[in-house]
C-alpha atoms as a PDB file:
ATOM      1  CA  MET A   1     -18.853 -76.764  62.740  1.00  0.00           C
ATOM      2  CA  LEU A   2     -17.151 -78.157  59.658  1.00  0.00           C
ATOM      3  CA  GLN A   3     -14.047 -76.095  60.379  1.00  0.00           C
ATOM      4  CA  VAL A   4     -13.927 -77.360  64.008  1.00  0.00           C
ATOM      5  CA  VAL A   5     -13.998 -81.022  62.825  1.00  0.00           C
ATOM      6  CA  GLN A   6     -11.383 -80.437  59.956  1.00  0.00           C
ATOM      7  CA  ALA A   7      -9.151 -78.634  62.376  1.00  0.00           C
ATOM      8  CA  ALA A   8      -9.158 -81.516  64.794  1.00  0.00           C
ATOM      9  CA  GLY A   9      -7.378 -83.635  62.209  1.00  0.00           C
ATOM     10  CA  GLY A  10      -9.068 -86.924  63.239  1.00  0.00           C
ATOM     11  CA  PRO A  11     -12.325 -88.239  64.817  1.00  0.00           C
ATOM     12  CA  VAL A  12     -13.863 -85.670  67.164  1.00  0.00           C
ATOM     13  CA  MET A  13     -16.529 -86.089  69.731  1.00  0.00           C
ATOM     14  CA  VAL A  14     -19.731 -83.954  69.869  1.00  0.00           C
ATOM     15  CA  LYS A  15     -18.646 -82.505  73.239  1.00  0.00           C
ATOM     16  CA  ASP A  16     -15.253 -81.382  71.734  1.00  0.00           C
ATOM     17  CA  VAL A  17     -17.073 -79.531  68.945  1.00  0.00           C
ATOM     18  CA  GLY A  18     -19.377 -77.915  71.412  1.00  0.00           C
ATOM     19  CA  ALA A  19     -16.608 -76.703  73.554  1.00  0.00           C
ATOM     20  CA  GLU A  20     -14.976 -75.083  70.533  1.00  0.00           C
ATOM     21  CA  LEU A  21     -18.197 -73.353  69.589  1.00  0.00           C
ATOM     22  CA  GLY A  22     -18.669 -72.121  73.128  1.00  0.00           C
ATOM     23  CA  ILE A  23     -21.544 -74.298  74.173  1.00  0.00           C
ATOM     24  CA  ASP A  24     -21.981 -75.373  77.780  1.00  0.00           C
ATOM     25  CA  VAL A  25     -20.862 -79.101  77.464  1.00  0.00           C
ATOM     26  CA  VAL A  26     -21.543 -79.880  81.214  1.00  0.00           C
ATOM     27  CA  VAL A  27     -25.182 -79.991  80.538  1.00  0.00           C
ATOM     28  CA  PRO A  28     -25.993 -83.023  78.266  1.00  0.00           C
ATOM     29  CA  GLY A  29     -29.196 -81.519  76.872  1.00  0.00           C
ATOM     30  CA  ARG A  30     -27.129 -78.673  75.291  1.00  0.00           C
ATOM     31  CA  LEU A  31     -25.271 -81.054  73.013  1.00  0.00           C
ATOM     32  CA  GLU A  32     -28.342 -82.876  71.552  1.00  0.00           C
ATOM     33  CA  PRO A  33     -29.080 -80.092  68.935  1.00  0.00           C
ATOM     34  CA  LEU A  34     -25.551 -79.932  67.940  1.00  0.00           C
ATOM     35  CA  ARG A  35     -25.463 -83.864  67.624  1.00  0.00           C
ATOM     36  CA  GLY A  36     -28.405 -83.610  65.327  1.00  0.00           C
ATOM     37  CA  LYS A  37     -26.811 -80.868  63.146  1.00  0.00           C
ATOM     38  CA  LEU A  38     -23.666 -82.906  62.801  1.00  0.00           C
ATOM     39  CA  SER A  39     -25.680 -86.137  62.045  1.00  0.00           C
ATOM     40  CA  LYS A  40     -27.461 -84.269  59.300  1.00  0.00           C
ATOM     41  CA  LEU A  41     -24.236 -83.132  57.877  1.00  0.00           C
ATOM     42  CA  ALA A  42     -23.191 -86.743  57.831  1.00  0.00           C
ATOM     43  CA  VAL A  43     -26.347 -87.742  55.991  1.00  0.00           C
ATOM     44  CA  ARG A  44     -25.650 -85.172  53.458  1.00  0.00           C
ATOM     45  CA  GLY A  45     -22.157 -86.252  52.768  1.00  0.00           C
ATOM     46  CA  TRP A  46     -20.199 -83.481  54.395  1.00  0.00           C
ATOM     47  CA  LEU A  47     -19.192 -85.395  57.403  1.00  0.00           C
ATOM     48  CA  HIS A  48     -18.530 -89.157  58.180  1.00  0.00           C
ATOM     49  CA  LYS A  49     -20.149 -90.441  61.405  1.00  0.00           C
ATOM     50  CA  LEU A  50     -18.234 -93.362  62.802  1.00  0.00           C
ATOM     51  CA  PRO A  51     -19.794 -96.175  64.701  1.00  0.00           C
ATOM     52  CA  ASN A  52     -18.509 -94.882  68.026  1.00  0.00           C
ATOM     53  CA  GLY A  53     -20.304 -91.674  67.642  1.00  0.00           C
ATOM     54  CA  THR A  54     -17.424 -89.452  66.516  1.00  0.00           C
ATOM     55  CA  PHE A  55     -17.289 -87.400  63.385  1.00  0.00           C
ATOM     56  CA  THR A  56     -14.620 -86.790  60.709  1.00  0.00           C
ATOM     57  CA  ILE A  57     -14.340 -84.842  57.598  1.00  0.00           C
ATOM     58  CA  ARG A  58     -15.552 -86.966  54.483  1.00  0.00           C
ATOM     59  CA  GLU A  59     -12.603 -87.361  52.109  1.00  0.00           C
END
């Protein structure tokens, strides 16, 4: 997940990360566990969650 966000080079949406990981992004419920994992990484300082819900690498 971190590599996908880093490779994006800017803010990335959860559905974009899911698409890169091969998750079915058409069904919204499939993305909620991924959103939770990305949020946990943001709380732990690995990622930065922007107010619009996108994620970037913490620098």
